[in-house]
PDB file of N, CA and C in Angstrom:
ATOM      1  N   MET A   1      11.613  13.520  13.359  1.00  0.00           N
ATOM      2  CA  MET A   1      10.324  13.874  12.802  1.00  0.00           C
ATOM      3  C   MET A   1      10.541  14.534  11.440  1.00  0.00           C
ATOM      4  N   LYS A   2       9.798  14.068  10.445  1.00  0.00           N
ATOM      5  CA  LYS A   2       9.945  14.557   9.074  1.00  0.00           C
ATOM      6  C   LYS A   2       9.108  15.800   8.797  1.00  0.00           C
ATOM      7  N   ILE A   3       8.050  16.003   9.576  1.00  0.00           N
ATOM      8  CA  ILE A   3       7.186  17.155   9.348  1.00  0.00           C
ATOM      9  C   ILE A   3       6.783  17.737  10.700  1.00  0.00           C
ATOM     10  N   THR A   4       6.687  19.040  10.742  1.00  0.00           N
ATOM     11  CA  THR A   4       6.332  19.695  11.995  1.00  0.00           C
ATOM     12  C   THR A   4       4.878  20.115  11.988  1.00  0.00           C
ATOM     13  N   ARG A   5       4.381  20.394  13.170  1.00  0.00           N
ATOM     14  CA  ARG A   5       2.999  20.853  13.311  1.00  0.00           C
ATOM     15  C   ARG A   5       2.803  22.170  12.552  1.00  0.00           C
ATOM     16  N   GLU A   6       3.816  23.039  12.585  1.00  0.00           N
ATOM     17  CA  GLU A   6       3.717  24.317  11.890  1.00  0.00           C
ATOM     18  C   GLU A   6       3.585  24.110  10.381  1.00  0.00           C
ATOM     19  N   GLU A   7       4.293  23.126   9.846  1.00  0.00           N
ATOM     20  CA  GLU A   7       4.189  22.839   8.415  1.00  0.00           C
ATOM     21  C   GLU A   7       2.799  22.325   8.064  1.00  0.00           C
ATOM     22  N   VAL A   8       2.247  21.481   8.924  1.00  0.00           N
ATOM     23  CA  VAL A   8       0.889  20.973   8.689  1.00  0.00           C
ATOM     24  C   VAL A   8      -0.108  22.121   8.752  1.00  0.00           C
ATOM     25  N   GLU A   9       0.049  23.022   9.722  1.00  0.00           N
ATOM     26  CA  GLU A   9      -0.828  24.180   9.820  1.00  0.00           C
ATOM     27  C   GLU A   9      -0.717  25.050   8.575  1.00  0.00           C
ATOM     28  N   HIS A  10       0.501  25.225   8.069  1.00  0.00           N
ATOM     29  CA  HIS A  10       0.716  26.045   6.870  1.00  0.00           C
ATOM     30  C   HIS A  10       0.024  25.428   5.651  1.00  0.00           C
ATOM     31  N   VAL A  11       0.182  24.128   5.474  1.00  0.00           N
ATOM     32  CA  VAL A  11      -0.455  23.452   4.338  1.00  0.00           C
ATOM     33  C   VAL A  11      -1.981  23.495   4.484  1.00  0.00           C
ATOM     34  N   ALA A  12      -2.470  23.319   5.704  1.00  0.00           N
ATOM     35  CA  ALA A  12      -3.916  23.388   5.933  1.00  0.00           C
ATOM     36  C   ALA A  12      -4.439  24.782   5.599  1.00  0.00           C
ATOM     37  N   LYS A  13      -3.669  25.799   5.948  1.00  0.00           N
ATOM     38  CA  LYS A  13      -4.073  27.170   5.639  1.00  0.00           C
ATOM     39  C   LYS A  13      -4.104  27.395   4.124  1.00  0.00           C
ATOM     40  N   LEU A  14      -3.068  26.894   3.414  1.00  0.00           N
ATOM     41  CA  LEU A  14      -3.043  27.030   1.957  1.00  0.00           C
ATOM     42  C   LEU A  14      -4.227  26.322   1.309  1.00  0.00           C
ATOM     43  N   ALA A  15      -4.621  25.184   1.887  1.00  0.00           N
ATOM     44  CA  ALA A  15      -5.746  24.416   1.346  1.00  0.00           C
ATOM     45  C   ALA A  15      -7.088  24.923   1.869  1.00  0.00           C
ATOM     46  N   LYS A  16      -7.033  25.985   2.686  1.00  0.00           N
ATOM     47  CA  LYS A  16      -8.240  26.575   3.272  1.00  0.00           C
ATOM     48  C   LYS A  16      -9.024  25.549   4.089  1.00  0.00           C
ATOM     49  N   LEU A  17      -8.277  24.753   4.884  1.00  0.00           N
ATOM     50  CA  LEU A  17      -8.879  23.768   5.762  1.00  0.00           C
ATOM     51  C   LEU A  17      -8.856  24.281   7.190  1.00  0.00           C
ATOM     52  N   ASN A  18      -9.989  24.249   7.851  1.00  0.00           N
ATOM     53  CA  ASN A  18     -10.055  24.579   9.263  1.00  0.00           C
ATOM     54  C   ASN A  18      -9.944  23.276  10.040  1.00  0.00           C
ATOM     55  N   MET A  19      -8.848  23.122  10.764  1.00  0.00           N
ATOM     56  CA  MET A  19      -8.611  21.886  11.492  1.00  0.00           C
ATOM     57  C   MET A  19      -8.559  22.167  12.985  1.00  0.00           C
ATOM     58  N   SER A  20      -9.175  21.277  13.754  1.00  0.00           N
ATOM     59  CA  SER A  20      -9.128  21.411  15.205  1.00  0.00           C
ATOM     60  C   SER A  20      -7.743  21.002  15.699  1.00  0.00           C
ATOM     61  N   GLU A  21      -7.484  21.259  16.982  1.00  0.00           N
ATOM     62  CA  GLU A  21      -6.198  20.884  17.575  1.00  0.00           C
ATOM     63  C   GLU A  21      -5.980  19.376  17.479  1.00  0.00           C
ATOM     64  N   GLU A  22      -7.041  18.625  17.724  1.00  0.00           N
ATOM     65  CA  GLU A  22      -6.958  17.162  17.652  1.00  0.00           C
ATOM     66  C   GLU A  22      -6.639  16.702  16.224  1.00  0.00           C
ATOM     67  N   GLU A  23      -7.305  17.315  15.233  1.00  0.00           N
ATOM     68  CA  GLU A  23      -7.061  16.961  13.835  1.00  0.00           C
ATOM     69  C   GLU A  23      -5.641  17.317  13.418  1.00  0.00           C
ATOM     70  N   LEU A  24      -5.141  18.468  13.870  1.00  0.00           N
ATOM     71  CA  LEU A  24      -3.765  18.860  13.544  1.00  0.00           C
ATOM     72  C   LEU A  24      -2.762  17.868  14.124  1.00  0.00           C
ATOM     73  N   ALA A  25      -2.984  17.449  15.366  1.00  0.00           N
ATOM     74  CA  ALA A  25      -2.078  16.489  15.997  1.00  0.00           C
ATOM     75  C   ALA A  25      -2.114  15.152  15.267  1.00  0.00           C
ATOM     76  N   ARG A  26      -3.331  14.686  14.943  1.00  0.00           N
ATOM     77  CA  ARG A  26      -3.469  13.400  14.240  1.00  0.00           C
ATOM     78  C   ARG A  26      -2.846  13.474  12.844  1.00  0.00           C
ATOM     79  N   MET A  27      -3.101  14.565  12.120  1.00  0.00           N
ATOM     80  CA  MET A  27      -2.570  14.719  10.773  1.00  0.00           C
ATOM     81  C   MET A  27      -1.043  14.817  10.797  1.00  0.00           C
ATOM     82  N   THR A  28      -0.492  15.510  11.779  1.00  0.00           N
ATOM     83  CA  THR A  28       0.963  15.617  11.895  1.00  0.00           C
ATOM     84  C   THR A  28       1.572  14.236  12.089  1.00  0.00           C
ATOM     85  N   GLY A  29       0.976  13.444  12.954  1.00  0.00           N
ATOM     86  CA  GLY A  29       1.473  12.083  13.184  1.00  0.00           C
ATOM     87  C   GLY A  29       1.368  11.209  11.950  1.00  0.00           C
ATOM     88  N   GLN A  30       0.227  11.288  11.262  1.00  0.00           N
ATOM     89  CA  GLN A  30       0.023  10.462  10.069  1.00  0.00           C
ATOM     90  C   GLN A  30       0.980  10.855   8.947  1.00  0.00           C
ATOM     91  N   LEU A  31       1.121  12.150   8.714  1.00  0.00           N
ATOM     92  CA  LEU A  31       2.034  12.605   7.663  1.00  0.00           C
ATOM     93  C   LEU A  31       3.479  12.266   8.005  1.00  0.00           C
ATOM     94  N   ASP A  32       3.843  12.364   9.282  1.00  0.00           N
ATOM     95  CA  ASP A  32       5.192  12.006   9.692  1.00  0.00           C
ATOM     96  C   ASP A  32       5.466  10.529   9.424  1.00  0.00           C
ATOM     97  N   THR A  33       4.488   9.673   9.709  1.00  0.00           N
ATOM     98  CA  THR A  33       4.636   8.239   9.442  1.00  0.00           C
ATOM     99  C   THR A  33       4.813   7.980   7.950  1.00  0.00           C
ATOM    100  N   ILE A  34       4.020   8.647   7.131  1.00  0.00           N
ATOM    101  CA  ILE A  34       4.100   8.467   5.679  1.00  0.00           C
ATOM    102  C   ILE A  34       5.454   8.945   5.155  1.00  0.00           C
ATOM    103  N   LEU A  35       5.876  10.120   5.572  1.00  0.00           N
ATOM    104  CA  LEU A  35       7.143  10.673   5.085  1.00  0.00           C
ATOM    105  C   LEU A  35       8.338   9.869   5.581  1.00  0.00           C
ATOM    106  N   SER A  36       8.259   9.320   6.780  1.00  0.00           N
ATOM    107  CA  SER A  36       9.338   8.477   7.293  1.00  0.00           C
ATOM    108  C   SER A  36       9.444   7.199   6.466  1.00  0.00           C
ATOM    109  N   TYR A  37       8.302   6.639   6.094  1.00  0.00           N
ATOM    110  CA  TYR A  37       8.316   5.431   5.277  1.00  0.00           C
ATOM    111  C   TYR A  37       8.902   5.726   3.895  1.00  0.00           C
ATOM    112  N   VAL A  38       8.520   6.840   3.299  1.00  0.00           N
ATOM    113  CA  VAL A  38       9.044   7.207   1.985  1.00  0.00           C
ATOM    114  C   VAL A  38      10.545   7.453   2.065  1.00  0.00           C
ATOM    115  N   ALA A  39      11.016   8.001   3.180  1.00  0.00           N
ATOM    116  CA  ALA A  39      12.453   8.259   3.352  1.00  0.00           C
ATOM    117  C   ALA A  39      13.251   6.965   3.342  1.00  0.00           C
ATOM    118  N   LYS A  40      12.625   5.856   3.721  1.00  0.00           N
ATOM    119  CA  LYS A  40      13.322   4.564   3.683  1.00  0.00           C
ATOM    120  C   LYS A  40      13.742   4.200   2.260  1.00  0.00           C
ATOM    121  N   LEU A  41      13.030   4.697   1.277  1.00  0.00           N
ATOM    122  CA  LEU A  41      13.367   4.402  -0.116  1.00  0.00           C
ATOM    123  C   LEU A  41      14.735   4.959  -0.484  1.00  0.00           C
ATOM    124  N   ASP A  42      15.147   6.017   0.203  1.00  0.00           N
ATOM    125  CA  ASP A  42      16.480   6.585  -0.050  1.00  0.00           C
ATOM    126  C   ASP A  42      17.591   5.624   0.352  1.00  0.00           C
ATOM    127  N   GLU A  43      17.288   4.676   1.216  1.00  0.00           N
ATOM    128  CA  GLU A  43      18.286   3.717   1.682  1.00  0.00           C
ATOM    129  C   GLU A  43      18.544   2.605   0.661  1.00  0.00           C
ATOM    130  N   LEU A  44      17.658   2.453  -0.303  1.00  0.00           N
ATOM    131  CA  LEU A  44      17.802   1.381  -1.287  1.00  0.00           C
ATOM    132  C   LEU A  44      18.902   1.702  -2.284  1.00  0.00           C
ATOM    133  N   ASP A  45      19.652   0.657  -2.671  1.00  0.00           N
ATOM    134  CA  ASP A  45      20.676   0.810  -3.700  1.00  0.00           C
ATOM    135  C   ASP A  45      20.010   0.588  -5.060  1.00  0.00           C
ATOM    136  N   THR A  46      19.829   1.648  -5.790  1.00  0.00           N
ATOM    137  CA  THR A  46      19.161   1.571  -7.095  1.00  0.00           C
ATOM    138  C   THR A  46      20.140   1.857  -8.235  1.00  0.00           C
ATOM    139  N   ALA A  47      21.419   1.648  -7.992  1.00  0.00           N
ATOM    140  CA  ALA A  47      22.441   1.974  -8.991  1.00  0.00           C
ATOM    141  C   ALA A  47      22.256   1.177 -10.281  1.00  0.00           C
ATOM    142  N   GLY A  48      21.889  -0.095 -10.181  1.00  0.00           N
ATOM    143  CA  GLY A  48      21.767  -0.923 -11.381  1.00  0.00           C
ATOM    144  C   GLY A  48      20.358  -1.038 -11.919  1.00  0.00           C
ATOM    145  N   VAL A  49      19.433  -0.264 -11.395  1.00  0.00           N
ATOM    146  CA  VAL A  49      18.032  -0.360 -11.801  1.00  0.00           C
ATOM    147  C   VAL A  49      17.753   0.680 -12.876  1.00  0.00           C
ATOM    148  N   THR A  50      17.213   0.212 -13.981  1.00  0.00           N
ATOM    149  CA  THR A  50      16.870   1.107 -15.086  1.00  0.00           C
ATOM    150  C   THR A  50      15.588   1.855 -14.756  1.00  0.00           C
ATOM    151  N   PRO A  51      15.599   3.177 -14.880  1.00  0.00           N
ATOM    152  CA  PRO A  51      14.360   3.930 -14.624  1.00  0.00           C
ATOM    153  C   PRO A  51      13.269   3.540 -15.618  1.00  0.00           C
ATOM    154  N   THR A  52      12.046   3.434 -15.125  1.00  0.00           N
ATOM    155  CA  THR A  52      10.910   3.085 -15.975  1.00  0.00           C
ATOM    156  C   THR A  52       9.759   4.041 -15.721  1.00  0.00           C
ATOM    157  N   THR A  53       8.857   4.084 -16.670  1.00  0.00           N
ATOM    158  CA  THR A  53       7.650   4.879 -16.487  1.00  0.00           C
ATOM    159  C   THR A  53       6.435   3.991 -16.284  1.00  0.00           C
ATOM    160  N   HIS A  54       6.557   2.690 -16.611  1.00  0.00           N
ATOM    161  CA  HIS A  54       5.461   1.746 -16.452  1.00  0.00           C
ATOM    162  C   HIS A  54       5.989   0.462 -15.833  1.00  0.00           C
ATOM    163  N   ALA A  55       5.110  -0.276 -15.191  1.00  0.00           N
ATOM    164  CA  ALA A  55       5.505  -1.530 -14.573  1.00  0.00           C
ATOM    165  C   ALA A  55       5.853  -2.586 -15.626  1.00  0.00           C
ATOM    166  N   PHE A  56       5.202  -2.529 -16.771  1.00  0.00           N
ATOM    167  CA  PHE A  56       5.462  -3.480 -17.842  1.00  0.00           C
ATOM    168  C   PHE A  56       6.020  -2.748 -19.048  1.00  0.00           C
ATOM    169  N   SER A  57       6.922  -3.374 -19.752  1.00  0.00           N
ATOM    170  CA  SER A  57       7.515  -2.717 -20.920  1.00  0.00           C
ATOM    171  C   SER A  57       6.735  -3.059 -22.185  1.00  0.00           C
ATOM    172  N   ILE A  58       5.609  -2.419 -22.341  1.00  0.00           N
ATOM    173  CA  ILE A  58       4.772  -2.584 -23.534  1.00  0.00           C
ATOM    174  C   ILE A  58       4.905  -1.301 -24.337  1.00  0.00           C
ATOM    175  N   SER A  59       5.394  -1.421 -25.559  1.00  0.00           N
ATOM    176  CA  SER A  59       5.615  -0.207 -26.338  1.00  0.00           C
ATOM    177  C   SER A  59       4.347   0.247 -27.070  1.00  0.00           C
ATOM    178  N   ASN A  60       3.612  -0.675 -27.676  1.00  0.00           N
ATOM    179  CA  ASN A  60       2.399  -0.306 -28.380  1.00  0.00           C
ATOM    180  C   ASN A  60       1.470  -1.511 -28.374  1.00  0.00           C
ATOM    181  N   ALA A  61       0.436  -1.441 -27.586  1.00  0.00           N
ATOM    182  CA  ALA A  61      -0.474  -2.571 -27.433  1.00  0.00           C
ATOM    183  C   ALA A  61      -1.661  -2.502 -28.384  1.00  0.00           C
ATOM    184  N   PHE A  62      -1.631  -1.580 -29.343  1.00  0.00           N
ATOM    185  CA  PHE A  62      -2.742  -1.447 -30.260  1.00  0.00           C
ATOM    186  C   PHE A  62      -2.638  -2.453 -31.396  1.00  0.00           C
ATOM    187  N   ARG A  63      -3.787  -2.880 -31.876  1.00  0.00           N
ATOM    188  CA  ARG A  63      -3.807  -3.799 -33.008  1.00  0.00           C
ATOM    189  C   ARG A  63      -3.629  -3.003 -34.294  1.00  0.00           C
ATOM    190  N   GLU A  64      -3.277  -3.684 -35.341  1.00  0.00           N
ATOM    191  CA  GLU A  64      -3.148  -3.050 -36.644  1.00  0.00           C
ATOM    192  C   GLU A  64      -4.538  -2.688 -37.163  1.00  0.00           C
ATOM    193  N   ASP A  65      -4.643  -1.559 -37.838  1.00  0.00           N
ATOM    194  CA  ASP A  65      -5.911  -1.163 -38.445  1.00  0.00           C
ATOM    195  C   ASP A  65      -6.205  -2.077 -39.622  1.00  0.00           C
ATOM    196  N   GLU A  66      -7.431  -2.574 -39.657  1.00  0.00           N
ATOM    197  CA  GLU A  66      -7.854  -3.432 -40.754  1.00  0.00           C
ATOM    198  C   GLU A  66      -9.188  -2.910 -41.288  1.00  0.00           C
ATOM    199  N   VAL A  67      -9.310  -2.837 -42.589  1.00  0.00           N
ATOM    200  CA  VAL A  67     -10.561  -2.419 -43.195  1.00  0.00           C
ATOM    201  C   VAL A  67     -11.549  -3.563 -43.049  1.00  0.00           C
ATOM    202  N   GLN A  68     -12.709  -3.256 -42.475  1.00  0.00           N
ATOM    203  CA  GLN A  68     -13.748  -4.268 -42.292  1.00  0.00           C
ATOM    204  C   GLN A  68     -15.069  -3.725 -42.816  1.00  0.00           C
ATOM    205  N   LYS A  69     -15.980  -4.628 -43.074  1.00  0.00           N
ATOM    206  CA  LYS A  69     -17.295  -4.236 -43.558  1.00  0.00           C
ATOM    207  C   LYS A  69     -18.022  -3.504 -42.429  1.00  0.00           C
ATOM    208  N   SER A  70     -18.626  -2.367 -42.756  1.00  0.00           N
ATOM    209  CA  SER A  70     -19.376  -1.611 -41.754  1.00  0.00           C
ATOM    210  C   SER A  70     -20.863  -1.682 -42.072  1.00  0.00           C
ATOM    211  N   LEU A  71     -21.658  -1.137 -41.173  1.00  0.00           N
ATOM    212  CA  LEU A  71     -23.104  -1.143 -41.375  1.00  0.00           C
ATOM    213  C   LEU A  71     -23.490  -0.187 -42.494  1.00  0.00           C
ATOM    214  N   SER A  72     -24.495  -0.577 -43.239  1.00  0.00           N
ATOM    215  CA  SER A  72     -25.051   0.355 -44.225  1.00  0.00           C
ATOM    216  C   SER A  72     -25.918   1.358 -43.468  1.00  0.00           C
ATOM    217  N   VAL A  73     -26.274   2.443 -44.128  1.00  0.00           N
ATOM    218  CA  VAL A  73     -27.108   3.460 -43.488  1.00  0.00           C
ATOM    219  C   VAL A  73     -28.431   2.838 -43.049  1.00  0.00           C
ATOM    220  N   ALA A  74     -29.012   2.004 -43.888  1.00  0.00           N
ATOM    221  CA  ALA A  74     -30.299   1.376 -43.565  1.00  0.00           C
ATOM    222  C   ALA A  74     -30.171   0.480 -42.337  1.00  0.00           C
ATOM    223  N   GLU A  75     -29.073  -0.293 -42.254  1.00  0.00           N
ATOM    224  CA  GLU A  75     -28.871  -1.170 -41.097  1.00  0.00           C
ATOM    225  C   GLU A  75     -28.691  -0.366 -39.812  1.00  0.00           C
ATOM    226  N   ALA A  76     -27.938   0.704 -39.891  1.00  0.00           N
ATOM    227  CA  ALA A  76     -27.708   1.537 -38.714  1.00  0.00           C
ATOM    228  C   ALA A  76     -29.008   2.186 -38.259  1.00  0.00           C
ATOM    229  N   LEU A  77     -29.775   2.719 -39.202  1.00  0.00           N
ATOM    230  CA  LEU A  77     -31.025   3.392 -38.862  1.00  0.00           C
ATOM    231  C   LEU A  77     -32.095   2.431 -38.371  1.00  0.00           C
ATOM    232  N   SER A  78     -31.966   1.162 -38.692  1.00  0.00           N
ATOM    233  CA  SER A  78     -32.958   0.187 -38.228  1.00  0.00           C
ATOM    234  C   SER A  78     -32.904   0.006 -36.711  1.00  0.00           C
ATOM    235  N   ASN A  79     -31.859   0.486 -36.059  1.00  0.00           N
ATOM    236  CA  ASN A  79     -31.718   0.378 -34.606  1.00  0.00           C
ATOM    237  C   ASN A  79     -32.380   1.539 -33.855  1.00  0.00           C
ATOM    238  N   GLY A  80     -32.822   2.560 -34.568  1.00  0.00           N
ATOM    239  CA  GLY A  80     -33.399   3.735 -33.916  1.00  0.00           C
ATOM    240  C   GLY A  80     -34.909   3.704 -33.910  1.00  0.00           C
ATOM    241  N   PRO A  81     -35.528   4.251 -32.853  1.00  0.00           N
ATOM    242  CA  PRO A  81     -36.992   4.249 -32.802  1.00  0.00           C
ATOM    243  C   PRO A  81     -37.625   5.273 -33.745  1.00  0.00           C
ATOM    244  N   HIS A  82     -36.941   6.411 -33.977  1.00  0.00           N
ATOM    245  CA  HIS A  82     -37.483   7.450 -34.851  1.00  0.00           C
ATOM    246  C   HIS A  82     -36.395   7.850 -35.838  1.00  0.00           C
ATOM    247  N   VAL A  83     -36.667   7.619 -37.123  1.00  0.00           N
ATOM    248  CA  VAL A  83     -35.672   7.938 -38.148  1.00  0.00           C
ATOM    249  C   VAL A  83     -36.358   8.571 -39.344  1.00  0.00           C
ATOM    250  N   ASN A  84     -35.554   9.291 -40.143  1.00  0.00           N
ATOM    251  CA  ASN A  84     -36.032   9.704 -41.451  1.00  0.00           C
ATOM    252  C   ASN A  84     -35.168   8.962 -42.462  1.00  0.00           C
ATOM    253  N   GLU A  85     -35.040   9.442 -43.660  1.00  0.00           N
ATOM    254  CA  GLU A  85     -34.329   8.690 -44.690  1.00  0.00           C
ATOM    255  C   GLU A  85     -32.841   8.500 -44.405  1.00  0.00           C
ATOM    256  N   ASP A  86     -32.209   9.458 -43.697  1.00  0.00           N
ATOM    257  CA  ASP A  86     -30.759   9.322 -43.519  1.00  0.00           C
ATOM    258  C   ASP A  86     -30.259   9.737 -42.136  1.00  0.00           C
ATOM    259  N   ALA A  87     -31.150   9.853 -41.129  1.00  0.00           N
ATOM    260  CA  ALA A  87     -30.697  10.269 -39.810  1.00  0.00           C
ATOM    261  C   ALA A  87     -31.671   9.817 -38.731  1.00  0.00           C
ATOM    262  N   PHE A  88     -31.169   9.784 -37.507  1.00  0.00           N
ATOM    263  CA  PHE A  88     -32.029   9.549 -36.354  1.00  0.00           C
ATOM    264  C   PHE A  88     -32.766  10.842 -36.037  1.00  0.00           C
ATOM    265  N   ILE A  89     -34.002  10.733 -35.606  1.00  0.00           N
ATOM    266  CA  ILE A  89     -34.775  11.901 -35.209  1.00  0.00           C
ATOM    267  C   ILE A  89     -34.800  11.912 -33.669  1.00  0.00           C
ATOM    268  N   VAL A  90     -34.334  13.023 -33.102  1.00  0.00           N
ATOM    269  CA  VAL A  90     -34.261  13.137 -31.652  1.00  0.00           C
ATOM    270  C   VAL A  90     -34.996  14.409 -31.228  1.00  0.00           C
ATOM    271  N   PRO A  91     -35.413  14.498 -29.968  1.00  0.00           N
ATOM    272  CA  PRO A  91     -36.100  15.707 -29.516  1.00  0.00           C
ATOM    273  C   PRO A  91     -35.174  16.918 -29.526  1.00  0.00           C
ATOM    274  N   LYS A  92     -35.750  18.070 -29.819  1.00  0.00           N
ATOM    275  CA  LYS A  92     -34.984  19.318 -29.820  1.00  0.00           C
ATOM    276  C   LYS A  92     -34.715  19.710 -28.366  1.00  0.00           C
ATOM    277  N   ILE A  93     -33.467  19.994 -28.047  1.00  0.00           N
ATOM    278  CA  ILE A  93     -33.076  20.399 -26.692  1.00  0.00           C
ATOM    279  C   ILE A  93     -32.392  21.747 -26.773  1.00  0.00           C
ATOM    280  N   ILE A  94     -32.980  22.707 -26.073  1.00  0.00           N
ATOM    281  CA  ILE A  94     -32.403  24.050 -26.076  1.00  0.00           C
ATOM    282  C   ILE A  94     -32.186  24.476 -24.647  1.00  0.00           C
TER     283      ILE A  94
END
């Protein structure tokens, strides 16, 4: 067994969880199953495997910055329901 009932009770106490006897028993079993499965990873020979931080080796997926034509102030303001000469008019929120 990878985890004991006392350890589950301790973690539940730290997390301020009130667990019934049934929940403690079920959680102990579930956590033991999970930890036993993770322990199997220790059996793998990873001597020739390069450590990675991502599944794919993409160094920079961003496109190059290109100067493009943008909207004029008049074009941008034409999309708003209430505008003045150089800004959108919105309700005051306090």
